[in-house]
PDB file of all heavy atoms in Angstrom:
ATOM      1  N   ALA A   1     132.120 121.385 105.196  1.00  0.00           N
ATOM      2  CA  ALA A   1     133.255 121.141 104.339  1.00  0.00           C
ATOM      3  C   ALA A   1     132.890 120.066 103.340  1.00  0.00           C
ATOM      4  O   ALA A   1     132.128 119.144 103.650  1.00  0.00           O
ATOM      5  CB  ALA A   1     134.469 120.707 105.156  1.00  0.00           C
ATOM      6  N   ASP A   2     133.429 120.167 102.134  1.00  0.00           N
ATOM      7  CA  ASP A   2     133.088 119.172 101.114  1.00  0.00           C
ATOM      8  C   ASP A   2     133.470 117.756 101.535  1.00  0.00           C
ATOM      9  O   ASP A   2     132.811 116.788 101.148  1.00  0.00           O
ATOM     10  CB  ASP A   2     133.810 119.515  99.801  1.00  0.00           C
ATOM     11  CG  ASP A   2     133.230 120.744  99.125  1.00  0.00           C
ATOM     12  OD1 ASP A   2     132.079 121.119  99.447  1.00  0.00           O
ATOM     13  OD2 ASP A   2     133.929 121.331  98.269  1.00  0.00           O
ATOM     14  N   SER A   3     134.495 117.652 102.334  1.00  0.00           N
ATOM     15  CA  SER A   3     134.981 116.337 102.739  1.00  0.00           C
ATOM     16  C   SER A   3     134.032 115.588 103.673  1.00  0.00           C
ATOM     17  O   SER A   3     134.139 114.367 103.819  1.00  0.00           O
ATOM     18  CB  SER A   3     136.350 116.476 103.419  1.00  0.00           C
ATOM     19  OG  SER A   3     136.269 117.297 104.566  1.00  0.00           O
ATOM     20  N   VAL A   4     133.108 116.299 104.307  1.00  0.00           N
ATOM     21  CA  VAL A   4     132.198 115.657 105.262  1.00  0.00           C
ATOM     22  C   VAL A   4     130.738 115.764 104.853  1.00  0.00           C
ATOM     23  O   VAL A   4     129.884 115.142 105.486  1.00  0.00           O
ATOM     24  CB  VAL A   4     132.374 116.228 106.675  1.00  0.00           C
ATOM     25  CG1 VAL A   4     133.831 116.146 107.106  1.00  0.00           C
ATOM     26  CG2 VAL A   4     131.886 117.680 106.755  1.00  0.00           C
ATOM     27  N   LYS A   5     130.447 116.533 103.832  1.00  0.00           N
ATOM     28  CA  LYS A   5     129.067 116.698 103.391  1.00  0.00           C
ATOM     29  C   LYS A   5     128.455 115.344 103.034  1.00  0.00           C
ATOM     30  O   LYS A   5     129.094 114.508 102.420  1.00  0.00           O
ATOM     31  CB  LYS A   5     129.025 117.640 102.204  1.00  0.00           C
ATOM     32  CG  LYS A   5     127.642 118.152 101.866  1.00  0.00           C
ATOM     33  CD  LYS A   5     127.704 119.218 100.788  1.00  0.00           C
ATOM     34  CE  LYS A   5     126.345 119.822 100.505  1.00  0.00           C
ATOM     35  NZ  LYS A   5     126.409 120.874  99.472  1.00  0.00           N
ATOM     36  N   GLU A   6     127.215 115.151 103.430  1.00  0.00           N
ATOM     37  CA  GLU A   6     126.443 113.923 103.210  1.00  0.00           C
ATOM     38  C   GLU A   6     126.786 112.832 104.224  1.00  0.00           C
ATOM     39  O   GLU A   6     126.118 111.799 104.270  1.00  0.00           O
ATOM     40  CB  GLU A   6     126.629 113.358 101.804  1.00  0.00           C
ATOM     41  CG  GLU A   6     126.369 114.357 100.674  1.00  0.00           C
ATOM     42  CD  GLU A   6     124.960 114.922 100.676  1.00  0.00           C
ATOM     43  OE1 GLU A   6     124.031 114.219 101.167  1.00  0.00           O
ATOM     44  OE2 GLU A   6     124.777 116.054 100.223  1.00  0.00           O
ATOM     45  N   ARG A   7     127.814 113.055 105.037  1.00  0.00           N
ATOM     46  CA  ARG A   7     128.167 112.104 106.074  1.00  0.00           C
ATOM     47  C   ARG A   7     127.980 112.684 107.474  1.00  0.00           C
ATOM     48  O   ARG A   7     127.583 111.969 108.390  1.00  0.00           O
ATOM     49  CB  ARG A   7     129.604 111.639 105.932  1.00  0.00           C
ATOM     50  CG  ARG A   7     129.867 110.872 104.646  1.00  0.00           C
ATOM     51  CD  ARG A   7     131.261 110.239 104.657  1.00  0.00           C
ATOM     52  NE  ARG A   7     132.311 111.249 104.766  1.00  0.00           N
ATOM     53  CZ  ARG A   7     133.184 111.315 105.763  1.00  0.00           C
ATOM     54  NH1 ARG A   7     133.153 110.431 106.745  1.00  0.00           N
ATOM     55  NH2 ARG A   7     134.111 112.267 105.766  1.00  0.00           N
ATOM     56  N   PHE A   8     128.280 113.952 107.637  1.00  0.00           N
ATOM     57  CA  PHE A   8     128.172 114.613 108.924  1.00  0.00           C
ATOM     58  C   PHE A   8     126.960 115.537 108.952  1.00  0.00           C
ATOM     59  O   PHE A   8     126.591 116.124 107.937  1.00  0.00           O
ATOM     60  CB  PHE A   8     129.422 115.463 109.215  1.00  0.00           C
ATOM     61  CG  PHE A   8     130.677 114.674 109.462  1.00  0.00           C
ATOM     62  CD1 PHE A   8     130.755 113.318 109.216  1.00  0.00           C
ATOM     63  CD2 PHE A   8     131.801 115.334 109.933  1.00  0.00           C
ATOM     64  CE1 PHE A   8     131.925 112.606 109.433  1.00  0.00           C
ATOM     65  CE2 PHE A   8     132.980 114.647 110.163  1.00  0.00           C
ATOM     66  CZ  PHE A   8     133.045 113.288 109.916  1.00  0.00           C
ATOM     67  N   THR A   9     126.375 115.675 110.119  1.00  0.00           N
ATOM     68  CA  THR A   9     125.243 116.574 110.308  1.00  0.00           C
ATOM     69  C   THR A   9     125.457 117.406 111.561  1.00  0.00           C
ATOM     70  O   THR A   9     125.653 116.845 112.648  1.00  0.00           O
ATOM     71  CB  THR A   9     123.914 115.815 110.418  1.00  0.00           C
ATOM     72  OG1 THR A   9     123.706 115.039 109.256  1.00  0.00           O
ATOM     73  CG2 THR A   9     122.755 116.794 110.583  1.00  0.00           C
ATOM     74  N   ILE A  10     125.433 118.710 111.401  1.00  0.00           N
ATOM     75  CA  ILE A  10     125.543 119.592 112.548  1.00  0.00           C
ATOM     76  C   ILE A  10     124.138 120.027 112.973  1.00  0.00           C
ATOM     77  O   ILE A  10     123.270 120.253 112.139  1.00  0.00           O
ATOM     78  CB  ILE A  10     126.427 120.822 112.250  1.00  0.00           C
ATOM     79  CG1 ILE A  10     126.689 121.615 113.525  1.00  0.00           C
ATOM     80  CG2 ILE A  10     125.825 121.692 111.155  1.00  0.00           C
ATOM     81  CD1 ILE A  10     127.727 122.719 113.354  1.00  0.00           C
ATOM     82  N   SER A  11     123.919 120.115 114.270  1.00  0.00           N
ATOM     83  CA  SER A  11     122.647 120.565 114.794  1.00  0.00           C
ATOM     84  C   SER A  11     122.886 121.278 116.116  1.00  0.00           C
ATOM     85  O   SER A  11     124.004 121.295 116.634  1.00  0.00           O
ATOM     86  CB  SER A  11     121.687 119.384 114.985  1.00  0.00           C
ATOM     87  OG  SER A  11     122.208 118.438 115.894  1.00  0.00           O
ATOM     88  N   ARG A  12     121.837 121.846 116.667  1.00  0.00           N
ATOM     89  CA  ARG A  12     121.997 122.544 117.937  1.00  0.00           C
ATOM     90  C   ARG A  12     120.686 122.548 118.704  1.00  0.00           C
ATOM     91  O   ARG A  12     119.596 122.456 118.131  1.00  0.00           O
ATOM     92  CB  ARG A  12     122.502 123.976 117.737  1.00  0.00           C
ATOM     93  CG  ARG A  12     121.532 124.890 116.998  1.00  0.00           C
ATOM     94  CD  ARG A  12     122.219 126.211 116.632  1.00  0.00           C
ATOM     95  NE  ARG A  12     122.597 126.958 117.839  1.00  0.00           N
ATOM     96  CZ  ARG A  12     123.362 128.035 117.830  1.00  0.00           C
ATOM     97  NH1 ARG A  12     123.846 128.493 116.688  1.00  0.00           N
ATOM     98  NH2 ARG A  12     123.681 128.659 118.970  1.00  0.00           N
ATOM     99  N   ASP A  13     120.810 122.667 120.004  1.00  0.00           N
ATOM    100  CA  ASP A  13     119.678 122.788 120.895  1.00  0.00           C
ATOM    101  C   ASP A  13     119.942 124.027 121.729  1.00  0.00           C
ATOM    102  O   ASP A  13     120.703 124.000 122.683  1.00  0.00           O
ATOM    103  CB  ASP A  13     119.553 121.552 121.784  1.00  0.00           C
ATOM    104  CG  ASP A  13     118.326 121.577 122.664  1.00  0.00           C
ATOM    105  OD1 ASP A  13     117.772 122.669 122.898  1.00  0.00           O
ATOM    106  OD2 ASP A  13     117.911 120.513 123.147  1.00  0.00           O
ATOM    107  N   ASN A  14     119.314 125.112 121.345  1.00  0.00           N
ATOM    108  CA  ASN A  14     119.590 126.385 122.005  1.00  0.00           C
ATOM    109  C   ASN A  14     119.125 126.444 123.456  1.00  0.00           C
ATOM    110  O   ASN A  14     119.691 127.185 124.250  1.00  0.00           O
ATOM    111  CB  ASN A  14     118.959 127.521 121.208  1.00  0.00           C
ATOM    112  CG  ASN A  14     119.611 127.748 119.875  1.00  0.00           C
ATOM    113  OD1 ASN A  14     120.760 127.307 119.652  1.00  0.00           O
ATOM    114  ND2 ASN A  14     118.923 128.409 118.958  1.00  0.00           N
ATOM    115  N   ALA A  15     118.129 125.648 123.794  1.00  0.00           N
ATOM    116  CA  ALA A  15     117.682 125.593 125.171  1.00  0.00           C
ATOM    117  C   ALA A  15     118.744 125.010 126.078  1.00  0.00           C
ATOM    118  O   ALA A  15     118.771 125.285 127.276  1.00  0.00           O
ATOM    119  CB  ALA A  15     116.381 124.781 125.290  1.00  0.00           C
ATOM    120  N   LYS A  16     119.625 124.209 125.501  1.00  0.00           N
ATOM    121  CA  LYS A  16     120.697 123.582 126.260  1.00  0.00           C
ATOM    122  C   LYS A  16     122.055 124.203 125.968  1.00  0.00           C
ATOM    123  O   LYS A  16     123.076 123.729 126.474  1.00  0.00           O
ATOM    124  CB  LYS A  16     120.749 122.090 125.946  1.00  0.00           C
ATOM    125  CG  LYS A  16     119.502 121.333 126.323  1.00  0.00           C
ATOM    126  CD  LYS A  16     119.629 119.868 125.964  1.00  0.00           C
ATOM    127  CE  LYS A  16     118.386 119.079 126.349  1.00  0.00           C
ATOM    128  NZ  LYS A  16     118.500 117.650 125.988  1.00  0.00           N
ATOM    129  N   ASN A  17     122.081 125.223 125.116  1.00  0.00           N
ATOM    130  CA  ASN A  17     123.342 125.842 124.692  1.00  0.00           C
ATOM    131  C   ASN A  17     124.318 124.788 124.169  1.00  0.00           C
ATOM    132  O   ASN A  17     125.510 124.811 124.466  1.00  0.00           O
ATOM    133  CB  ASN A  17     123.998 126.612 125.857  1.00  0.00           C
ATOM    134  CG  ASN A  17     123.227 127.863 126.225  1.00  0.00           C
ATOM    135  OD1 ASN A  17     122.457 128.393 125.434  1.00  0.00           O
ATOM    136  ND2 ASN A  17     123.444 128.338 127.441  1.00  0.00           N
ATOM    137  N   THR A  18     123.785 123.884 123.380  1.00  0.00           N
ATOM    138  CA  THR A  18     124.570 122.747 122.932  1.00  0.00           C
ATOM    139  C   THR A  18     124.532 122.581 121.421  1.00  0.00           C
ATOM    140  O   THR A  18     123.473 122.728 120.802  1.00  0.00           O
ATOM    141  CB  THR A  18     124.065 121.456 123.584  1.00  0.00           C
ATOM    142  OG1 THR A  18     124.160 121.579 125.011  1.00  0.00           O
ATOM    143  CG2 THR A  18     124.890 120.260 123.144  1.00  0.00           C
ATOM    144  N   ALA A  19     125.670 122.280 120.845  1.00  0.00           N
ATOM    145  CA  ALA A  19     125.777 121.927 119.430  1.00  0.00           C
ATOM    146  C   ALA A  19     126.197 120.490 119.330  1.00  0.00           C
ATOM    147  O   ALA A  19     126.884 119.954 120.206  1.00  0.00           O
ATOM    148  CB  ALA A  19     126.768 122.835 118.724  1.00  0.00           C
ATOM    149  N   TYR A  20     125.805 119.860 118.230  1.00  0.00           N
ATOM    150  CA  TYR A  20     126.124 118.462 118.008  1.00  0.00           C
ATOM    151  C   TYR A  20     126.744 118.263 116.631  1.00  0.00           C
ATOM    152  O   TYR A  20     126.505 119.039 115.716  1.00  0.00           O
ATOM    153  CB  TYR A  20     124.865 117.574 118.103  1.00  0.00           C
ATOM    154  CG  TYR A  20     124.097 117.735 119.373  1.00  0.00           C
ATOM    155  CD1 TYR A  20     123.024 118.611 119.457  1.00  0.00           C
ATOM    156  CD2 TYR A  20     124.438 116.994 120.500  1.00  0.00           C
ATOM    157  CE1 TYR A  20     122.316 118.755 120.633  1.00  0.00           C
ATOM    158  CE2 TYR A  20     123.732 117.129 121.688  1.00  0.00           C
ATOM    159  CZ  TYR A  20     122.668 118.012 121.745  1.00  0.00           C
ATOM    160  OH  TYR A  20     121.967 118.144 122.927  1.00  0.00           O
ATOM    161  N   LEU A  21     127.497 117.219 116.515  1.00  0.00           N
ATOM    162  CA  LEU A  21     128.010 116.817 115.215  1.00  0.00           C
ATOM    163  C   LEU A  21     127.827 115.318 115.105  1.00  0.00           C
ATOM    164  O   LEU A  21     128.539 114.546 115.743  1.00  0.00           O
ATOM    165  CB  LEU A  21     129.487 117.191 115.049  1.00  0.00           C
ATOM    166  CG  LEU A  21     130.075 116.903 113.665  1.00  0.00           C
ATOM    167  CD1 LEU A  21     129.452 117.827 112.629  1.00  0.00           C
ATOM    168  CD2 LEU A  21     131.592 117.048 113.666  1.00  0.00           C
ATOM    169  N   GLN A  22     126.840 114.923 114.316  1.00  0.00           N
ATOM    170  CA  GLN A  22     126.605 113.514 114.046  1.00  0.00           C
ATOM    171  C   GLN A  22     127.505 113.102 112.888  1.00  0.00           C
ATOM    172  O   GLN A  22     127.400 113.663 111.798  1.00  0.00           O
ATOM    173  CB  GLN A  22     125.142 113.259 113.695  1.00  0.00           C
ATOM    174  CG  GLN A  22     124.816 111.822 113.357  1.00  0.00           C
ATOM    175  CD  GLN A  22     124.956 110.904 114.541  1.00  0.00           C
ATOM    176  OE1 GLN A  22     124.516 111.227 115.627  1.00  0.00           O
ATOM    177  NE2 GLN A  22     125.585 109.755 114.317  1.00  0.00           N
ATOM    178  N   MET A  23     128.359 112.157 113.127  1.00  0.00           N
ATOM    179  CA  MET A  23     129.319 111.717 112.131  1.00  0.00           C
ATOM    180  C   MET A  23     129.013 110.282 111.754  1.00  0.00           C
ATOM    181  O   MET A  23     129.127 109.368 112.574  1.00  0.00           O
ATOM    182  CB  MET A  23     130.746 111.847 112.657  1.00  0.00           C
ATOM    183  CG  MET A  23     131.099 113.248 113.151  1.00  0.00           C
ATOM    184  SD  MET A  23     132.832 113.391 113.672  1.00  0.00           S
ATOM    185  CE  MET A  23     132.799 112.311 115.112  1.00  0.00           C
ATOM    186  N   ASN A  24     128.640 110.085 110.507  1.00  0.00           N
ATOM    187  CA  ASN A  24     128.318 108.746 110.001  1.00  0.00           C
ATOM    188  C   ASN A  24     129.340 108.322 108.955  1.00  0.00           C
ATOM    189  O   ASN A  24     129.979 109.158 108.340  1.00  0.00           O
ATOM    190  CB  ASN A  24     126.919 108.731 109.388  1.00  0.00           C
ATOM    191  CG  ASN A  24     125.836 109.003 110.396  1.00  0.00           C
ATOM    192  OD1 ASN A  24     125.941 108.642 111.570  1.00  0.00           O
ATOM    193  ND2 ASN A  24     124.759 109.640 109.950  1.00  0.00           N
ATOM    194  N   ASN A  25     129.424 107.022 108.773  1.00  0.00           N
ATOM    195  CA  ASN A  25     130.350 106.475 107.779  1.00  0.00           C
ATOM    196  C   ASN A  25     131.739 107.076 107.906  1.00  0.00           C
ATOM    197  O   ASN A  25     132.312 107.573 106.957  1.00  0.00           O
ATOM    198  CB  ASN A  25     129.792 106.704 106.367  1.00  0.00           C
ATOM    199  CG  ASN A  25     130.540 105.923 105.309  1.00  0.00           C
ATOM    200  OD1 ASN A  25     131.144 104.891 105.600  1.00  0.00           O
ATOM    201  ND2 ASN A  25     130.511 106.416 104.085  1.00  0.00           N
ATOM    202  N   LEU A  26     132.247 107.017 109.093  1.00  0.00           N
ATOM    203  CA  LEU A  26     133.553 107.585 109.366  1.00  0.00           C
ATOM    204  C   LEU A  26     134.657 106.912 108.564  1.00  0.00           C
ATOM    205  O   LEU A  26     134.628 105.701 108.334  1.00  0.00           O
ATOM    206  CB  LEU A  26     133.874 107.510 110.852  1.00  0.00           C
ATOM    207  CG  LEU A  26     133.120 108.527 111.720  1.00  0.00           C
ATOM    208  CD1 LEU A  26     133.131 108.126 113.176  1.00  0.00           C
ATOM    209  CD2 LEU A  26     133.751 109.913 111.549  1.00  0.00           C
ATOM    210  N   LYS A  27     135.602 107.709 108.155  1.00  0.00           N
ATOM    211  CA  LYS A  27     136.739 107.251 107.386  1.00  0.00           C
ATOM    212  C   LYS A  27     138.025 107.533 108.142  1.00  0.00           C
ATOM    213  O   LYS A  27     138.053 108.381 109.025  1.00  0.00           O
ATOM    214  CB  LYS A  27     136.772 107.944 106.025  1.00  0.00           C
ATOM    215  CG  LYS A  27     135.504 107.788 105.211  1.00  0.00           C
ATOM    216  CD  LYS A  27     135.577 108.583 103.926  1.00  0.00           C
ATOM    217  CE  LYS A  27     134.320 108.435 103.112  1.00  0.00           C
ATOM    218  NZ  LYS A  27     134.372 109.221 101.846  1.00  0.00           N
ATOM    219  N   SER A  28     139.065 106.848 107.766  1.00  0.00           N
ATOM    220  CA  SER A  28     140.338 107.045 108.445  1.00  0.00           C
ATOM    221  C   SER A  28     140.813 108.493 108.349  1.00  0.00           C
ATOM    222  O   SER A  28     141.441 109.004 109.286  1.00  0.00           O
ATOM    223  CB  SER A  28     141.410 106.100 107.888  1.00  0.00           C
ATOM    224  OG  SER A  28     141.613 106.330 106.503  1.00  0.00           O
ATOM    225  N   GLU A  29     140.508 109.147 107.251  1.00  0.00           N
ATOM    226  CA  GLU A  29     140.911 110.524 107.098  1.00  0.00           C
ATOM    227  C   GLU A  29     140.144 111.506 107.966  1.00  0.00           C
ATOM    228  O   GLU A  29     140.457 112.690 108.018  1.00  0.00           O
ATOM    229  CB  GLU A  29     140.801 110.963 105.624  1.00  0.00           C
ATOM    230  CG  GLU A  29     139.450 110.671 104.999  1.00  0.00           C
ATOM    231  CD  GLU A  29     139.448 109.391 104.198  1.00  0.00           C
ATOM    232  OE1 GLU A  29     140.024 108.383 104.679  1.00  0.00           O
ATOM    233  OE2 GLU A  29     138.875 109.382 103.084  1.00  0.00           O
ATOM    234  N   ASP A  30     139.136 111.012 108.674  1.00  0.00           N
ATOM    235  CA  ASP A  30     138.413 111.833 109.636  1.00  0.00           C
ATOM    236  C   ASP A  30     139.136 111.883 110.986  1.00  0.00           C
ATOM    237  O   ASP A  30     138.718 112.632 111.883  1.00  0.00           O
ATOM    238  CB  ASP A  30     137.002 111.312 109.850  1.00  0.00           C
ATOM    239  CG  ASP A  30     136.141 111.397 108.607  1.00  0.00           C
ATOM    240  OD1 ASP A  30     136.213 112.433 107.906  1.00  0.00           O
ATOM    241  OD2 ASP A  30     135.391 110.450 108.343  1.00  0.00           O
ATOM    242  N   THR A  31     140.175 111.088 111.132  1.00  0.00           N
ATOM    243  CA  THR A  31     140.919 111.068 112.384  1.00  0.00           C
ATOM    244  C   THR A  31     141.500 112.442 112.668  1.00  0.00           C
ATOM    245  O   THR A  31     142.244 112.997 111.848  1.00  0.00           O
ATOM    246  CB  THR A  31     142.032 110.032 112.319  1.00  0.00           C
ATOM    247  OG1 THR A  31     141.451 108.723 112.207  1.00  0.00           O
ATOM    248  CG2 THR A  31     142.895 110.075 113.572  1.00  0.00           C
ATOM    249  N   ALA A  32     141.181 112.970 113.815  1.00  0.00           N
ATOM    250  CA  ALA A  32     141.648 114.315 114.187  1.00  0.00           C
ATOM    251  C   ALA A  32     141.133 114.651 115.567  1.00  0.00           C
ATOM    252  O   ALA A  32     140.289 113.940 116.125  1.00  0.00           O
ATOM    253  CB  ALA A  32     141.162 115.358 113.178  1.00  0.00           C
ATOM    254  N   VAL A  33     141.653 115.730 116.108  1.00  0.00           N
ATOM    255  CA  VAL A  33     141.060 116.321 117.281  1.00  0.00           C
ATOM    256  C   VAL A  33     139.980 117.276 116.787  1.00  0.00           C
ATOM    257  O   VAL A  33     140.247 118.135 115.954  1.00  0.00           O
ATOM    258  CB  VAL A  33     142.084 117.094 118.133  1.00  0.00           C
ATOM    259  CG1 VAL A  33     141.397 117.782 119.306  1.00  0.00           C
ATOM    260  CG2 VAL A  33     143.162 116.129 118.648  1.00  0.00           C
ATOM    261  N   TYR A  34     138.778 117.105 117.292  1.00  0.00           N
ATOM    262  CA  TYR A  34     137.660 117.935 116.881  1.00  0.00           C
ATOM    263  C   TYR A  34     137.418 119.015 117.910  1.00  0.00           C
ATOM    264  O   TYR A  34     137.272 118.749 119.100  1.00  0.00           O
ATOM    265  CB  TYR A  34     136.405 117.086 116.678  1.00  0.00           C
ATOM    266  CG  TYR A  34     136.433 116.301 115.399  1.00  0.00           C
ATOM    267  CD1 TYR A  34     137.316 115.234 115.228  1.00  0.00           C
ATOM    268  CD2 TYR A  34     135.599 116.649 114.321  1.00  0.00           C
ATOM    269  CE1 TYR A  34     137.370 114.537 114.034  1.00  0.00           C
ATOM    270  CE2 TYR A  34     135.643 115.950 113.137  1.00  0.00           C
ATOM    271  CZ  TYR A  34     136.530 114.898 112.998  1.00  0.00           C
ATOM    272  OH  TYR A  34     136.573 114.214 111.799  1.00  0.00           O
TER     273      TYR A  34
END
């Protein structure tokens, strides 16, 4: 999403069936249930 680009990074480890969301420089408007 444009609102998180350059701040958030999505990645995954298929061996672990796991996805990640690295969130940097968080802002108040990022407050939510993810």
